[in-house]
Amino acid sequence: MAPRVPVPRSTRVLQYSLVGIVGLASFVILISPLGATSGVETAGEGDVAQTTIQSPRDIEYVSEIRTEEARKAAESAVQPVYSSPRSNACEPPCKILHPFAIMSKRLPAKRKPVSWR
């Protein structure tokens, strides 16, 4: 193996300086995102935002006017219910007993039991 040739001191300082500058530039590029802005967008009332802004929380607003309009629309959409004129003539127990009354009319009359003496 051939003996090493010593490198002049000025060349060695230049090499270390170049490595340090490249390392520092790499560090700065890696920790700062490219093309990033400050993150704060100043927009006044009525201005159009350049980016989409996400709200930190959900907000729910109930409009009384639209709620009342929806109630009226639902009420008007219900079809009328028709009932027969006789529907109020009999109370619910009467309606339950009505079939039994019809059956009792069709049954033969009760006869007196025959006794064998």
Protein backbone atom coordinates (compact mmCIF):
# COMPACT_ATOMS: atom_id res chain seq x y z
CA MET A 1 0.00 0.00 0.00
CA ALA A 2 1.22 3.45 -0.91
CA PRO A 3 1.81 6.02 1.81
CA ARG A 4 -0.86 8.74 2.25
CA VAL A 5 -0.17 12.17 0.95
CA PRO A 6 -0.85 14.82 3.60
CA VAL A 7 -3.66 17.27 2.78
CA PRO A 8 -2.87 20.96 3.22
CA ARG A 9 -4.52 22.62 6.17
CA SER A 10 -6.42 25.18 4.05
CA THR A 11 -8.02 22.37 2.03
CA ARG A 12 -9.05 20.55 5.21
CA VAL A 13 -10.66 23.77 6.62
CA LEU A 14 -12.48 24.27 3.32
CA GLN A 15 -13.81 20.67 3.44
CA TYR A 16 -15.07 21.05 7.02
CA SER A 17 -16.65 24.43 6.23
CA LEU A 18 -18.45 22.96 3.19
CA VAL A 19 -19.76 20.01 5.23
CA GLY A 20 -20.97 22.41 7.94
CA ILE A 21 -22.73 24.72 5.47
CA VAL A 22 -24.43 21.81 3.67
CA GLY A 23 -25.48 20.29 7.02
CA LEU A 24 -26.90 23.58 8.28
CA ALA A 25 -28.77 24.21 5.00
CA SER A 26 -30.20 20.67 5.10
CA PHE A 27 -31.35 21.16 8.68
CA VAL A 28 -33.09 24.45 7.86
CA ILE A 29 -34.81 22.95 4.80
CA LEU A 30 -36.02 19.90 6.73
CA ILE A 31 -37.52 21.79 9.69
CA SER A 32 -39.30 24.46 7.66
CA PRO A 33 -42.05 23.27 5.29
CA LEU A 34 -41.64 24.56 1.77
CA GLY A 35 -44.17 27.09 0.59
CA ALA A 36 -45.75 27.42 4.00
CA THR A 37 -47.28 30.70 4.99
CA SER A 38 -47.57 32.06 8.46
CA GLY A 39 -50.83 30.12 8.96
CA VAL A 40 -52.84 33.21 9.80
CA GLU A 41 -55.02 34.53 7.05
CA THR A 42 -56.37 38.01 7.46
CA ALA A 43 -59.79 38.34 5.90
CA GLY A 44 -62.27 41.04 6.68
CA GLU A 45 -66.03 40.80 6.81
CA GLY A 46 -67.41 40.03 3.36
CA ASP A 47 -64.02 38.97 1.95
CA VAL A 48 -63.62 35.61 0.23
CA ALA A 49 -61.11 33.32 1.95
CA GLN A 50 -58.35 31.91 -0.27
CA THR A 51 -58.35 28.56 1.55
CA THR A 52 -60.93 26.44 3.33
CA ILE A 53 -61.18 27.32 7.00
CA GLN A 54 -62.21 24.54 9.38
CA SER A 55 -64.15 25.42 12.50
CA PRO A 56 -62.73 24.11 15.79
CA ARG A 57 -66.22 23.02 16.93
CA ASP A 58 -69.66 22.23 15.50
CA ILE A 59 -72.37 24.84 15.78
CA GLU A 60 -76.07 24.07 15.39
CA TYR A 61 -78.60 26.75 14.59
CA VAL A 62 -82.34 26.05 14.64
CA SER A 63 -84.35 28.48 12.57
CA GLU A 64 -87.75 29.07 14.14
CA ILE A 65 -89.15 30.38 10.84
CA ARG A 66 -88.06 27.34 8.79
CA THR A 67 -89.15 24.97 11.55
CA GLU A 68 -92.63 26.49 11.53
CA GLU A 69 -92.73 26.33 7.72
CA ALA A 70 -91.79 22.64 7.85
CA ARG A 71 -94.51 21.97 10.44
CA LYS A 72 -97.14 23.68 8.29
CA ALA A 73 -95.99 21.78 5.20
CA ALA A 74 -96.18 18.47 7.09
CA GLU A 75 -99.63 19.38 8.42
CA SER A 76 -100.94 20.22 4.95
CA ALA A 77 -99.47 16.99 3.51
CA VAL A 78 -101.64 14.81 5.78
CA GLN A 79 -104.66 13.40 3.95
CA PRO A 80 -108.04 13.94 5.61
CA VAL A 81 -109.46 10.97 7.51
CA TYR A 82 -113.07 10.18 6.69
CA SER A 83 -115.32 8.27 9.05
CA SER A 84 -118.76 6.86 8.53
CA PRO A 85 -121.74 8.75 9.96
CA ARG A 86 -122.41 5.84 12.33
CA SER A 87 -118.90 5.78 13.74
CA ASN A 88 -119.86 7.90 16.74
CA ALA A 89 -123.11 6.02 17.39
CA CYS A 90 -121.49 3.23 19.36
CA GLU A 91 -118.83 3.34 22.04
CA PRO A 92 -115.86 0.94 21.82
CA PRO A 93 -117.37 -1.66 24.22
CA CYS A 94 -120.43 -1.75 21.99
CA LYS A 95 -118.24 -2.46 18.98
CA ILE A 96 -116.62 -5.34 20.83
CA LEU A 97 -119.94 -6.86 21.91
CA HIS A 98 -121.67 -6.30 18.56
CA PRO A 99 -120.57 -9.62 16.96
CA PHE A 100 -121.74 -11.51 20.03
CA ALA A 101 -125.13 -9.85 19.80
CA ILE A 102 -125.47 -10.98 16.20
CA MET A 103 -124.52 -14.56 17.13
CA SER A 104 -126.99 -14.65 20.00
CA LYS A 105 -129.83 -13.72 17.64
CA ARG A 106 -128.96 -16.59 15.33
CA LEU A 107 -128.78 -19.19 18.08
CA PRO A 108 -131.95 -21.19 18.68
CA ALA A 109 -133.97 -20.19 21.68
CA LYS A 110 -133.10 -21.93 24.91
CA ARG A 111 -135.36 -24.83 25.65
CA LYS A 112 -136.27 -26.01 29.02
CA PRO A 113 -134.44 -29.13 29.99
CA VAL A 114 -136.50 -32.26 29.89
CA SER A 115 -136.74 -34.02 33.20
CA TRP A 116 -137.40 -37.76 33.33
CA ARG A 117 -139.62 -38.72 36.20
